[in-house]
PDB file of N, CA and C in Angstrom:
ATOM      1  N   MET A   1     230.603  30.990 197.697  1.00  0.00           N
ATOM      2  CA  MET A   1     229.344  31.173 197.872  1.00  0.00           C
ATOM      3  C   MET A   1     228.578  29.734 198.271  1.00  0.00           C
ATOM      4  N   LYS A   2     227.458  29.516 198.994  1.00  0.00           N
ATOM      5  CA  LYS A   2     226.598  28.905 198.855  1.00  0.00           C
ATOM      6  C   LYS A   2     225.190  28.822 198.994  1.00  0.00           C
ATOM      7  N   LEU A   3     224.555  28.000 198.905  1.00  0.00           N
ATOM      8  CA  LEU A   3     222.967  28.042 198.644  1.00  0.00           C
ATOM      9  C   LEU A   3     222.220  26.905 199.231  1.00  0.00           C
ATOM     10  N   SER A   4     220.856  27.000 199.663  1.00  0.00           N
ATOM     11  CA  SER A   4     220.240  25.650 200.121  1.00  0.00           C
ATOM     12  C   SER A   4     219.003  26.190 199.226  1.00  0.00           C
ATOM     13  N   LEU A   5     218.852  25.360 198.254  1.00  0.00           N
ATOM     14  CA  LEU A   5     217.355  25.249 197.432  1.00  0.00           C
ATOM     15  C   LEU A   5     216.853  24.427 197.434  1.00  0.00           C
ATOM     16  N   SER A   6     215.195  24.936 197.653  1.00  0.00           N
ATOM     17  CA  SER A   6     214.039  23.886 197.296  1.00  0.00           C
ATOM     18  C   SER A   6     214.494  23.244 196.121  1.00  0.00           C
ATOM     19  N   ARG A   7     213.511  22.295 195.835  1.00  0.00           N
ATOM     20  CA  ARG A   7     213.286  22.126 195.173  1.00  0.00           C
ATOM     21  C   ARG A   7     212.270  22.604 193.704  1.00  0.00           C
ATOM     22  N   ASN A   8     212.577  23.446 193.464  1.00  0.00           N
ATOM     23  CA  ASN A   8     211.421  24.183 193.139  1.00  0.00           C
ATOM     24  C   ASN A   8     212.014  24.735 191.906  1.00  0.00           C
ATOM     25  N   LEU A   9     211.637  25.161 190.594  1.00  0.00           N
ATOM     26  CA  LEU A   9     212.117  25.762 189.529  1.00  0.00           C
ATOM     27  C   LEU A   9     211.689  27.086 189.444  1.00  0.00           C
ATOM     28  N   GLU A  10     211.240  27.567 189.955  1.00  0.00           N
ATOM     29  CA  GLU A  10     211.238  29.250 190.801  1.00  0.00           C
ATOM     30  C   GLU A  10     213.006  29.541 191.257  1.00  0.00           C
ATOM     31  N   GLU A  11     213.936  28.081 191.531  1.00  0.00           N
ATOM     32  CA  GLU A  11     214.680  28.990 192.453  1.00  0.00           C
ATOM     33  C   GLU A  11     216.427  29.094 191.307  1.00  0.00           C
ATOM     34  N   ILE A  12     215.600  28.867 189.998  1.00  0.00           N
ATOM     35  CA  ILE A  12     216.707  29.245 189.355  1.00  0.00           C
ATOM     36  C   ILE A  12     216.773  30.626 189.066  1.00  0.00           C
ATOM     37  N   SER A  13     215.878  31.445 189.165  1.00  0.00           N
ATOM     38  CA  SER A  13     216.101  33.167 188.909  1.00  0.00           C
ATOM     39  C   SER A  13     217.050  33.391 190.273  1.00  0.00           C
ATOM     40  N   ARG A  14     216.850  32.642 191.702  1.00  0.00           N
ATOM     41  CA  ARG A  14     217.889  33.178 192.299  1.00  0.00           C
ATOM     42  C   ARG A  14     219.586  32.374 192.005  1.00  0.00           C
ATOM     43  N   ILE A  15     219.114  31.494 191.726  1.00  0.00           N
ATOM     44  CA  ILE A  15     220.299  30.993 191.369  1.00  0.00           C
ATOM     45  C   ILE A  15     221.454  31.963 190.435  1.00  0.00           C
ATOM     46  N   VAL A  16     220.755  32.421 189.237  1.00  0.00           N
ATOM     47  CA  VAL A  16     221.679  32.988 188.431  1.00  0.00           C
ATOM     48  C   VAL A  16     221.698  34.498 188.990  1.00  0.00           C
ATOM     49  N   ALA A  17     220.730  35.183 189.890  1.00  0.00           N
ATOM     50  CA  ALA A  17     221.060  36.452 190.526  1.00  0.00           C
ATOM     51  C   ALA A  17     222.101  36.207 191.626  1.00  0.00           C
ATOM     52  N   ALA A  18     222.526  35.039 192.409  1.00  0.00           N
ATOM     53  CA  ALA A  18     223.216  35.113 193.398  1.00  0.00           C
ATOM     54  C   ALA A  18     224.984  34.465 192.424  1.00  0.00           C
ATOM     55  N   THR A  19     224.835  34.008 191.741  1.00  0.00           N
ATOM     56  CA  THR A  19     225.628  33.723 190.621  1.00  0.00           C
ATOM     57  C   THR A  19     226.197  34.677 190.104  1.00  0.00           C
ATOM     58  N   HIS A  20     225.686  35.554 189.334  1.00  0.00           N
ATOM     59  CA  HIS A  20     225.898  36.541 189.227  1.00  0.00           C
ATOM     60  C   HIS A  20     226.485  37.528 189.738  1.00  0.00           C
ATOM     61  N   SER A  21     225.923  37.691 191.040  1.00  0.00           N
ATOM     62  CA  SER A  21     226.401  39.009 192.123  1.00  0.00           C
ATOM     63  C   SER A  21     227.786  37.884 192.682  1.00  0.00           C
ATOM     64  N   TRP A  22     228.031  37.022 192.919  1.00  0.00           N
ATOM     65  CA  TRP A  22     229.224  36.246 193.149  1.00  0.00           C
ATOM     66  C   TRP A  22     230.532  36.473 192.494  1.00  0.00           C
ATOM     67  N   PHE A  23     229.916  36.587 190.844  1.00  0.00           N
ATOM     68  CA  PHE A  23     230.932  36.484 189.884  1.00  0.00           C
ATOM     69  C   PHE A  23     231.492  38.218 190.165  1.00  0.00           C
ATOM     70  N   ALA A  24     231.214  38.881 189.646  1.00  0.00           N
ATOM     71  CA  ALA A  24     230.914  40.597 190.139  1.00  0.00           C
ATOM     72  C   ALA A  24     232.084  40.852 191.487  1.00  0.00           C
ATOM     73  N   GLU A  25     231.434  40.462 192.829  1.00  0.00           N
ATOM     74  CA  GLU A  25     232.440  40.542 193.778  1.00  0.00           C
ATOM     75  C   GLU A  25     233.429  39.662 193.360  1.00  0.00           C
ATOM     76  N   GLN A  26     233.645  38.675 193.202  1.00  0.00           N
ATOM     77  CA  GLN A  26     234.904  37.679 193.240  1.00  0.00           C
ATOM     78  C   GLN A  26     235.701  38.348 191.999  1.00  0.00           C
ATOM     79  N   HIS A  27     235.528  39.026 191.089  1.00  0.00           N
ATOM     80  CA  HIS A  27     236.157  39.367 189.810  1.00  0.00           C
ATOM     81  C   HIS A  27     236.597  38.458 188.742  1.00  0.00           C
ATOM     82  N   VAL A  28     235.092  37.406 188.474  1.00  0.00           N
ATOM     83  CA  VAL A  28     235.670  35.717 188.045  1.00  0.00           C
ATOM     84  C   VAL A  28     235.062  36.989 186.434  1.00  0.00           C
ATOM     85  N   SER A  29     235.808  35.971 185.625  1.00  0.00           N
ATOM     86  CA  SER A  29     235.613  36.115 183.956  1.00  0.00           C
ATOM     87  C   SER A  29     234.186  36.168 183.912  1.00  0.00           C
ATOM     88  N   ASP A  30     233.646  37.196 183.269  1.00  0.00           N
ATOM     89  CA  ASP A  30     232.314  37.284 182.740  1.00  0.00           C
ATOM     90  C   ASP A  30     231.948  36.008 181.374  1.00  0.00           C
ATOM     91  N   SER A  31     233.642  35.676 180.953  1.00  0.00           N
ATOM     92  CA  SER A  31     233.441  34.708 179.647  1.00  0.00           C
ATOM     93  C   SER A  31     232.923  33.677 180.360  1.00  0.00           C
ATOM     94  N   LEU A  32     232.819  32.941 181.844  1.00  0.00           N
ATOM     95  CA  LEU A  32     232.104  31.953 182.306  1.00  0.00           C
ATOM     96  C   LEU A  32     231.107  31.869 183.017  1.00  0.00           C
ATOM     97  N   MET A  33     230.739  32.528 182.910  1.00  0.00           N
ATOM     98  CA  MET A  33     228.754  32.905 183.184  1.00  0.00           C
ATOM     99  C   MET A  33     228.236  32.062 182.246  1.00  0.00           C
ATOM    100  N   PHE A  34     228.077  31.955 180.909  1.00  0.00           N
ATOM    101  CA  PHE A  34     227.509  31.310 180.555  1.00  0.00           C
ATOM    102  C   PHE A  34     227.687  29.737 180.799  1.00  0.00           C
ATOM    103  N   PRO A  35     228.559  29.025 180.503  1.00  0.00           N
ATOM    104  CA  PRO A  35     228.747  27.630 180.873  1.00  0.00           C
ATOM    105  C   PRO A  35     228.614  27.355 182.221  1.00  0.00           C
ATOM    106  N   VAL A  36     228.810  28.338 183.485  1.00  0.00           N
ATOM    107  CA  VAL A  36     228.221  28.182 184.669  1.00  0.00           C
ATOM    108  C   VAL A  36     226.561  28.199 184.815  1.00  0.00           C
ATOM    109  N   ASP A  37     226.020  28.967 184.160  1.00  0.00           N
ATOM    110  CA  ASP A  37     224.719  29.352 184.209  1.00  0.00           C
ATOM    111  C   ASP A  37     224.071  27.991 183.112  1.00  0.00           C
ATOM    112  N   LEU A  38     224.718  27.237 182.336  1.00  0.00           N
ATOM    113  CA  LEU A  38     223.785  26.581 181.447  1.00  0.00           C
ATOM    114  C   LEU A  38     224.060  25.282 182.044  1.00  0.00           C
ATOM    115  N   ALA A  39     225.152  24.928 183.042  1.00  0.00           N
ATOM    116  CA  ALA A  39     225.593  23.448 183.524  1.00  0.00           C
ATOM    117  C   ALA A  39     224.865  23.763 185.143  1.00  0.00           C
ATOM    118  N   THR A  40     224.638  24.650 185.589  1.00  0.00           N
ATOM    119  CA  THR A  40     223.932  24.652 186.964  1.00  0.00           C
ATOM    120  C   THR A  40     222.579  24.746 186.879  1.00  0.00           C
ATOM    121  N   GLU A  41     222.151  25.139 185.613  1.00  0.00           N
ATOM    122  CA  GLU A  41     220.483  25.029 185.888  1.00  0.00           C
ATOM    123  C   GLU A  41     220.324  23.608 184.955  1.00  0.00           C
ATOM    124  N   GLU A  42     221.246  23.086 184.295  1.00  0.00           N
ATOM    125  CA  GLU A  42     220.484  21.640 183.604  1.00  0.00           C
ATOM    126  C   GLU A  42     220.622  21.119 184.678  1.00  0.00           C
ATOM    127  N   LEU A  43     221.950  20.692 185.217  1.00  0.00           N
ATOM    128  CA  LEU A  43     221.553  20.190 186.481  1.00  0.00           C
ATOM    129  C   LEU A  43     220.917  20.150 187.735  1.00  0.00           C
ATOM    130  N   PHE A  44     220.497  21.087 188.529  1.00  0.00           N
ATOM    131  CA  PHE A  44     219.271  21.388 189.118  1.00  0.00           C
ATOM    132  C   PHE A  44     218.494  20.870 188.495  1.00  0.00           C
ATOM    133  N   VAL A  45     217.809  21.276 187.499  1.00  0.00           N
ATOM    134  CA  VAL A  45     216.400  20.574 186.733  1.00  0.00           C
ATOM    135  C   VAL A  45     216.356  19.291 186.928  1.00  0.00           C
ATOM    136  N   ASN A  46     217.542  18.701 185.968  1.00  0.00           N
ATOM    137  CA  ASN A  46     217.642  17.372 186.460  1.00  0.00           C
ATOM    138  C   ASN A  46     217.613  16.574 188.092  1.00  0.00           C
ATOM    139  N   MET A  47     218.202  17.226 189.230  1.00  0.00           N
ATOM    140  CA  MET A  47     217.920  16.691 189.842  1.00  0.00           C
ATOM    141  C   MET A  47     216.291  16.754 190.359  1.00  0.00           C
ATOM    142  N   ILE A  48     215.551  18.083 190.413  1.00  0.00           N
ATOM    143  CA  ILE A  48     214.190  17.790 190.770  1.00  0.00           C
ATOM    144  C   ILE A  48     213.283  17.076 189.793  1.00  0.00           C
ATOM    145  N   ARG A  49     213.919  16.780 188.618  1.00  0.00           N
ATOM    146  CA  ARG A  49     212.728  16.098 187.909  1.00  0.00           C
ATOM    147  C   ARG A  49     213.120  14.664 188.296  1.00  0.00           C
ATOM    148  N   HIS A  50     214.021  14.339 188.656  1.00  0.00           N
ATOM    149  CA  HIS A  50     214.424  12.863 188.646  1.00  0.00           C
ATOM    150  C   HIS A  50     214.522  12.435 190.003  1.00  0.00           C
ATOM    151  N   ASN A  51     214.179  13.446 191.246  1.00  0.00           N
ATOM    152  CA  ASN A  51     214.072  13.263 192.775  1.00  0.00           C
ATOM    153  C   ASN A  51     213.017  14.595 193.389  1.00  0.00           C
ATOM    154  N   PRO A  52     211.737  15.137 192.635  1.00  0.00           N
ATOM    155  CA  PRO A  52     210.957  15.473 193.139  1.00  0.00           C
ATOM    156  C   PRO A  52     210.331  15.420 194.649  1.00  0.00           C
ATOM    157  N   ASP A  53     209.795  14.268 195.013  1.00  0.00           N
ATOM    158  CA  ASP A  53     209.605  14.120 195.956  1.00  0.00           C
ATOM    159  C   ASP A  53     210.127  14.198 197.301  1.00  0.00           C
ATOM    160  N   LYS A  54     211.610  13.949 197.017  1.00  0.00           N
ATOM    161  CA  LYS A  54     212.477  14.408 198.390  1.00  0.00           C
ATOM    162  C   LYS A  54     212.530  15.327 199.147  1.00  0.00           C
ATOM    163  N   PRO A  55     212.258  15.177 200.457  1.00  0.00           N
ATOM    164  CA  PRO A  55     212.344  16.268 201.243  1.00  0.00           C
ATOM    165  C   PRO A  55     213.332  17.351 201.234  1.00  0.00           C
ATOM    166  N   ASP A  56     214.444  16.979 201.360  1.00  0.00           N
ATOM    167  CA  ASP A  56     215.496  17.762 201.151  1.00  0.00           C
ATOM    168  C   ASP A  56     216.151  18.735 200.631  1.00  0.00           C
ATOM    169  N   LYS A  57     216.454  19.933 200.888  1.00  0.00           N
ATOM    170  CA  LYS A  57     217.164  20.979 199.911  1.00  0.00           C
ATOM    171  C   LYS A  57     218.367  20.471 199.067  1.00  0.00           C
ATOM    172  N   ILE A  58     218.467  21.194 198.072  1.00  0.00           N
ATOM    173  CA  ILE A  58     219.829  20.861 197.080  1.00  0.00           C
ATOM    174  C   ILE A  58     221.078  22.345 197.633  1.00  0.00           C
ATOM    175  N   THR A  59     222.062  21.497 197.782  1.00  0.00           N
ATOM    176  CA  THR A  59     223.179  22.670 197.847  1.00  0.00           C
ATOM    177  C   THR A  59     223.995  22.806 196.817  1.00  0.00           C
ATOM    178  N   LEU A  60     224.026  23.859 196.730  1.00  0.00           N
ATOM    179  CA  LEU A  60     224.899  24.865 195.248  1.00  0.00           C
ATOM    180  C   LEU A  60     226.183  25.402 196.158  1.00  0.00           C
ATOM    181  N   GLU A  61     227.105  24.813 195.341  1.00  0.00           N
ATOM    182  CA  GLU A  61     228.028  25.735 196.343  1.00  0.00           C
ATOM    183  C   GLU A  61     229.299  26.245 194.905  1.00  0.00           C
ATOM    184  N   ILE A  62     229.838  27.226 194.720  1.00  0.00           N
ATOM    185  CA  ILE A  62     230.698  28.079 193.828  1.00  0.00           C
ATOM    186  C   ILE A  62     231.931  27.979 194.523  1.00  0.00           C
ATOM    187  N   ASP A  63     232.995  27.974 193.918  1.00  0.00           N
ATOM    188  CA  ASP A  63     234.521  28.939 194.793  1.00  0.00           C
ATOM    189  C   ASP A  63     235.118  28.858 193.627  1.00  0.00           C
ATOM    190  N   THR A  64     236.289  29.468 193.769  1.00  0.00           N
ATOM    191  CA  THR A  64     237.110  30.129 192.514  1.00  0.00           C
ATOM    192  C   THR A  64     238.381  28.745 192.795  1.00  0.00           C
ATOM    193  N   VAL A  65     239.311  28.231 192.048  1.00  0.00           N
ATOM    194  CA  VAL A  65     239.702  27.374 191.512  1.00  0.00           C
ATOM    195  C   VAL A  65     240.957  28.089 190.600  1.00  0.00           C
ATOM    196  N   GLU A  66     242.015  27.355 190.323  1.00  0.00           N
ATOM    197  CA  GLU A  66     243.098  28.168 189.442  1.00  0.00           C
ATOM    198  C   GLU A  66     242.066  28.053 187.717  1.00  0.00           C
ATOM    199  N   ARG A  67     242.186  29.356 187.596  1.00  0.00           N
ATOM    200  CA  ARG A  67     241.771  29.886 186.180  1.00  0.00           C
ATOM    201  C   ARG A  67     240.360  29.045 185.673  1.00  0.00           C
ATOM    202  N   GLY A  68     239.468  29.599 186.805  1.00  0.00           N
ATOM    203  CA  GLY A  68     238.295  29.226 186.545  1.00  0.00           C
ATOM    204  C   GLY A  68     237.289  29.031 187.832  1.00  0.00           C
ATOM    205  N   VAL A  69     236.028  28.238 188.021  1.00  0.00           N
ATOM    206  CA  VAL A  69     235.404  28.152 189.032  1.00  0.00           C
ATOM    207  C   VAL A  69     235.164  27.022 189.196  1.00  0.00           C
ATOM    208  N   ALA A  70     234.217  26.391 190.695  1.00  0.00           N
ATOM    209  CA  ALA A  70     234.423  24.663 190.632  1.00  0.00           C
ATOM    210  C   ALA A  70     232.707  25.301 191.382  1.00  0.00           C
ATOM    211  N   VAL A  71     231.818  24.493 190.463  1.00  0.00           N
ATOM    212  CA  VAL A  71     230.528  24.620 190.888  1.00  0.00           C
ATOM    213  C   VAL A  71     230.553  23.017 191.244  1.00  0.00           C
ATOM    214  N   GLN A  72     229.494  22.801 192.676  1.00  0.00           N
ATOM    215  CA  GLN A  72     229.027  21.552 192.881  1.00  0.00           C
ATOM    216  C   GLN A  72     227.710  21.498 193.862  1.00  0.00           C
ATOM    217  N   LEU A  73     226.810  20.505 192.686  1.00  0.00           N
ATOM    218  CA  LEU A  73     225.569  20.795 193.437  1.00  0.00           C
ATOM    219  C   LEU A  73     225.377  19.227 194.059  1.00  0.00           C
ATOM    220  N   THR A  74     224.701  19.489 195.750  1.00  0.00           N
ATOM    221  CA  THR A  74     224.817  18.038 196.186  1.00  0.00           C
ATOM    222  C   THR A  74     223.252  18.071 196.622  1.00  0.00           C
ATOM    223  N   ASP A  75     222.782  16.644 196.111  1.00  0.00           N
ATOM    224  CA  ASP A  75     221.278  15.885 196.713  1.00  0.00           C
ATOM    225  C   ASP A  75     221.443  15.211 197.365  1.00  0.00           C
ATOM    226  N   TYR A  76     220.547  15.081 198.486  1.00  0.00           N
ATOM    227  CA  TYR A  76     220.518  14.277 199.623  1.00  0.00           C
ATOM    228  C   TYR A  76     219.526  13.095 199.467  1.00  0.00           C
ATOM    229  N   ASP A  77     220.196  11.981 200.031  1.00  0.00           N
ATOM    230  CA  ASP A  77     219.320  11.171 200.201  1.00  0.00           C
ATOM    231  C   ASP A  77     218.677  10.351 199.039  1.00  0.00           C
ATOM    232  N   VAL A  78     219.386  10.976 197.752  1.00  0.00           N
ATOM    233  CA  VAL A  78     218.793  10.130 196.822  1.00  0.00           C
ATOM    234  C   VAL A  78     220.294   8.627 196.097  1.00  0.00           C
ATOM    235  N   GLU A  79     219.685   8.191 195.255  1.00  0.00           N
ATOM    236  CA  GLU A  79     220.442   6.764 194.656  1.00  0.00           C
ATOM    237  C   GLU A  79     221.738   7.739 193.981  1.00  0.00           C
ATOM    238  N   ARG A  80     223.018   7.497 193.977  1.00  0.00           N
ATOM    239  CA  ARG A  80     223.663   8.004 193.424  1.00  0.00           C
ATOM    240  C   ARG A  80     224.213   8.129 192.324  1.00  0.00           C
ATOM    241  N   PHE A  81     224.285   8.991 191.516  1.00  0.00           N
ATOM    242  CA  PHE A  81     224.093   9.228 189.956  1.00  0.00           C
ATOM    243  C   PHE A  81     225.423   9.845 189.465  1.00  0.00           C
ATOM    244  N   ASP A  82     226.405   9.555 188.872  1.00  0.00           N
ATOM    245  CA  ASP A  82     227.356   9.721 188.202  1.00  0.00           C
ATOM    246  C   ASP A  82     226.830  10.489 186.805  1.00  0.00           C
ATOM    247  N   PRO A  83     227.041  11.324 186.635  1.00  0.00           N
ATOM    248  CA  PRO A  83     226.902  12.104 185.171  1.00  0.00           C
ATOM    249  C   PRO A  83     227.709  11.631 183.791  1.00  0.00           C
ATOM    250  N   ARG A  84     229.093  11.217 184.340  1.00  0.00           N
ATOM    251  CA  ARG A  84     229.825  10.616 183.268  1.00  0.00           C
ATOM    252  C   ARG A  84     229.483   9.232 182.601  1.00  0.00           C
ATOM    253  N   SER A  85     228.283   8.262 183.728  1.00  0.00           N
ATOM    254  CA  SER A  85     227.858   7.517 183.166  1.00  0.00           C
ATOM    255  C   SER A  85     226.969   7.187 182.173  1.00  0.00           C
ATOM    256  N   ALA A  86     226.077   8.844 182.067  1.00  0.00           N
ATOM    257  CA  ALA A  86     225.172   8.297 181.027  1.00  0.00           C
ATOM    258  C   ALA A  86     225.746   8.413 179.712  1.00  0.00           C
ATOM    259  N   PRO A  87     224.442   7.326 179.187  1.00  0.00           N
ATOM    260  CA  PRO A  87     225.088   7.324 177.724  1.00  0.00           C
ATOM    261  C   PRO A  87     225.393   8.419 176.506  1.00  0.00           C
ATOM    262  N   THR A  88     226.076   8.749 175.988  1.00  0.00           N
ATOM    263  CA  THR A  88     226.288   9.383 174.683  1.00  0.00           C
ATOM    264  C   THR A  88     225.452   9.387 173.828  1.00  0.00           C
ATOM    265  N   PRO A  89     224.346  10.588 173.792  1.00  0.00           N
ATOM    266  CA  PRO A  89     223.206  10.306 172.740  1.00  0.00           C
ATOM    267  C   PRO A  89     223.728  10.712 171.014  1.00  0.00           C
ATOM    268  N   ASN A  90     223.280   9.816 170.269  1.00  0.00           N
ATOM    269  CA  ASN A  90     223.472  10.112 168.767  1.00  0.00           C
ATOM    270  C   ASN A  90     222.900  11.146 168.428  1.00  0.00           C
ATOM    271  N   THR A  91     224.012  12.149 168.565  1.00  0.00           N
ATOM    272  CA  THR A  91     223.593  13.788 167.463  1.00  0.00           C
ATOM    273  C   THR A  91     223.862  13.909 166.254  1.00  0.00           C
ATOM    274  N   SER A  92     224.079  12.564 165.373  1.00  0.00           N
ATOM    275  CA  SER A  92     223.968  13.022 164.045  1.00  0.00           C
ATOM    276  C   SER A  92     223.153  11.867 163.634  1.00  0.00           C
ATOM    277  N   ALA A  93     222.012  11.193 164.490  1.00  0.00           N
ATOM    278  CA  ALA A  93     220.602  10.523 163.795  1.00  0.00           C
ATOM    279  C   ALA A  93     219.370  12.277 163.742  1.00  0.00           C
ATOM    280  N   PRO A  94     218.718  11.923 162.791  1.00  0.00           N
ATOM    281  CA  PRO A  94     217.612  13.345 162.672  1.00  0.00           C
ATOM    282  C   PRO A  94     216.892  13.195 164.173  1.00  0.00           C
ATOM    283  N   ALA A  95     216.744  14.250 164.437  1.00  0.00           N
ATOM    284  CA  ALA A  95     215.743  14.547 165.608  1.00  0.00           C
ATOM    285  C   ALA A  95     214.815  13.475 166.124  1.00  0.00           C
ATOM    286  N   SER A  96     213.826  13.316 165.086  1.00  0.00           N
ATOM    287  CA  SER A  96     212.846  12.634 165.003  1.00  0.00           C
ATOM    288  C   SER A  96     213.021  10.923 165.744  1.00  0.00           C
ATOM    289  N   GLU A  97     214.532  10.726 164.997  1.00  0.00           N
ATOM    290  CA  GLU A  97     214.811   9.521 165.296  1.00  0.00           C
ATOM    291  C   GLU A  97     215.784   9.180 166.600  1.00  0.00           C
ATOM    292  N   ARG A  98     215.868  10.564 167.745  1.00  0.00           N
ATOM    293  CA  ARG A  98     216.794  10.217 168.662  1.00  0.00           C
ATOM    294  C   ARG A  98     215.772   9.795 169.958  1.00  0.00           C
ATOM    295  N   ALA A  99     216.546   9.455 170.366  1.00  0.00           N
ATOM    296  CA  ALA A  99     215.607   8.838 172.019  1.00  0.00           C
ATOM    297  C   ALA A  99     215.352  10.352 172.806  1.00  0.00           C
ATOM    298  N   ILE A 100     214.191  10.699 173.686  1.00  0.00           N
ATOM    299  CA  ILE A 100     213.965  11.773 174.160  1.00  0.00           C
ATOM    300  C   ILE A 100     215.352  11.520 175.547  1.00  0.00           C
ATOM    301  N   GLY A 101     215.928  12.756 175.709  1.00  0.00           N
ATOM    302  CA  GLY A 101     216.412  12.817 177.117  1.00  0.00           C
ATOM    303  C   GLY A 101     217.741  12.745 176.590  1.00  0.00           C
ATOM    304  N   GLY A 102     218.866  12.968 177.675  1.00  0.00           N
ATOM    305  CA  GLY A 102     220.393  12.910 177.458  1.00  0.00           C
ATOM    306  C   GLY A 102     221.454  14.320 176.717  1.00  0.00           C
ATOM    307  N   LEU A 103     220.411  15.162 175.927  1.00  0.00           N
ATOM    308  CA  LEU A 103     221.019  16.105 175.744  1.00  0.00           C
ATOM    309  C   LEU A 103     221.679  16.935 176.390  1.00  0.00           C
ATOM    310  N   GLY A 104     220.715  17.412 177.564  1.00  0.00           N
ATOM    311  CA  GLY A 104     221.433  17.745 178.408  1.00  0.00           C
ATOM    312  C   GLY A 104     222.599  17.928 178.915  1.00  0.00           C
ATOM    313  N   LEU A 105     222.991  16.528 179.318  1.00  0.00           N
ATOM    314  CA  LEU A 105     223.916  16.505 180.522  1.00  0.00           C
ATOM    315  C   LEU A 105     225.077  16.233 179.227  1.00  0.00           C
ATOM    316  N   HIS A 106     225.219  15.736 178.109  1.00  0.00           N
ATOM    317  CA  HIS A 106     225.915  15.907 176.649  1.00  0.00           C
ATOM    318  C   HIS A 106     226.548  17.744 176.511  1.00  0.00           C
ATOM    319  N   LEU A 107     225.458  18.442 176.492  1.00  0.00           N
ATOM    320  CA  LEU A 107     226.029  19.863 176.380  1.00  0.00           C
ATOM    321  C   LEU A 107     226.467  20.116 177.795  1.00  0.00           C
ATOM    322  N   VAL A 108     226.004  19.934 178.706  1.00  0.00           N
ATOM    323  CA  VAL A 108     226.796  20.295 180.017  1.00  0.00           C
ATOM    324  C   VAL A 108     228.565  20.204 179.922  1.00  0.00           C
ATOM    325  N   ALA A 109     228.685  18.884 179.790  1.00  0.00           N
ATOM    326  CA  ALA A 109     230.126  18.010 179.473  1.00  0.00           C
ATOM    327  C   ALA A 109     230.974  19.038 178.173  1.00  0.00           C
ATOM    328  N   LYS A 110     230.207  19.365 177.417  1.00  0.00           N
ATOM    329  CA  LYS A 110     231.187  20.182 176.110  1.00  0.00           C
ATOM    330  C   LYS A 110     230.750  21.398 176.864  1.00  0.00           C
ATOM    331  N   VAL A 111     230.869  22.067 177.542  1.00  0.00           N
ATOM    332  CA  VAL A 111     230.926  23.764 178.022  1.00  0.00           C
ATOM    333  C   VAL A 111     231.577  23.740 179.253  1.00  0.00           C
ATOM    334  N   VAL A 112     232.029  22.377 180.236  1.00  0.00           N
ATOM    335  CA  VAL A 112     232.665  22.595 181.214  1.00  0.00           C
ATOM    336  C   VAL A 112     234.019  21.834 180.729  1.00  0.00           C
ATOM    337  N   THR A 113     235.012  22.203 182.000  1.00  0.00           N
ATOM    338  CA  THR A 113     236.271  21.095 181.879  1.00  0.00           C
ATOM    339  C   THR A 113     236.098  20.611 182.313  1.00  0.00           C
ATOM    340  N   ALA A 114     235.318  19.869 183.649  1.00  0.00           N
ATOM    341  CA  ALA A 114     235.453  18.377 183.979  1.00  0.00           C
ATOM    342  C   ALA A 114     234.135  18.402 185.162  1.00  0.00           C
ATOM    343  N   LEU A 115     233.546  17.208 184.150  1.00  0.00           N
ATOM    344  CA  LEU A 115     231.993  17.171 185.185  1.00  0.00           C
ATOM    345  C   LEU A 115     232.034  15.544 185.679  1.00  0.00           C
ATOM    346  N   ASP A 116     232.116  15.660 187.403  1.00  0.00           N
ATOM    347  CA  ASP A 116     232.512  14.260 188.002  1.00  0.00           C
ATOM    348  C   ASP A 116     230.843  14.378 188.876  1.00  0.00           C
TER     349      ASP A 116
END
């Protein structure tokens, strides 16, 4: 599956609908739907938030792989960012003492097998 997405939060509903339809067509286990939805939404929102004025669309590709699915989000003409390089948030500190941001990528890393 491949989608070309505008930098608009309203695209999330289209992503979810297309992903769920693709899961059914490909007979992919529903148990993978939540982690795919969570990771895709979080990463897509981050791409919009950090590069809101870029004219290029964001590409979403999903394909089956052995024992699961591979999801790829591609943003164009932006500074390269490796999500594995993001600092690990201090989840043991009280919420009032934590820095804002970083929990989304942390959550994504916890629900997917690999993040590149």
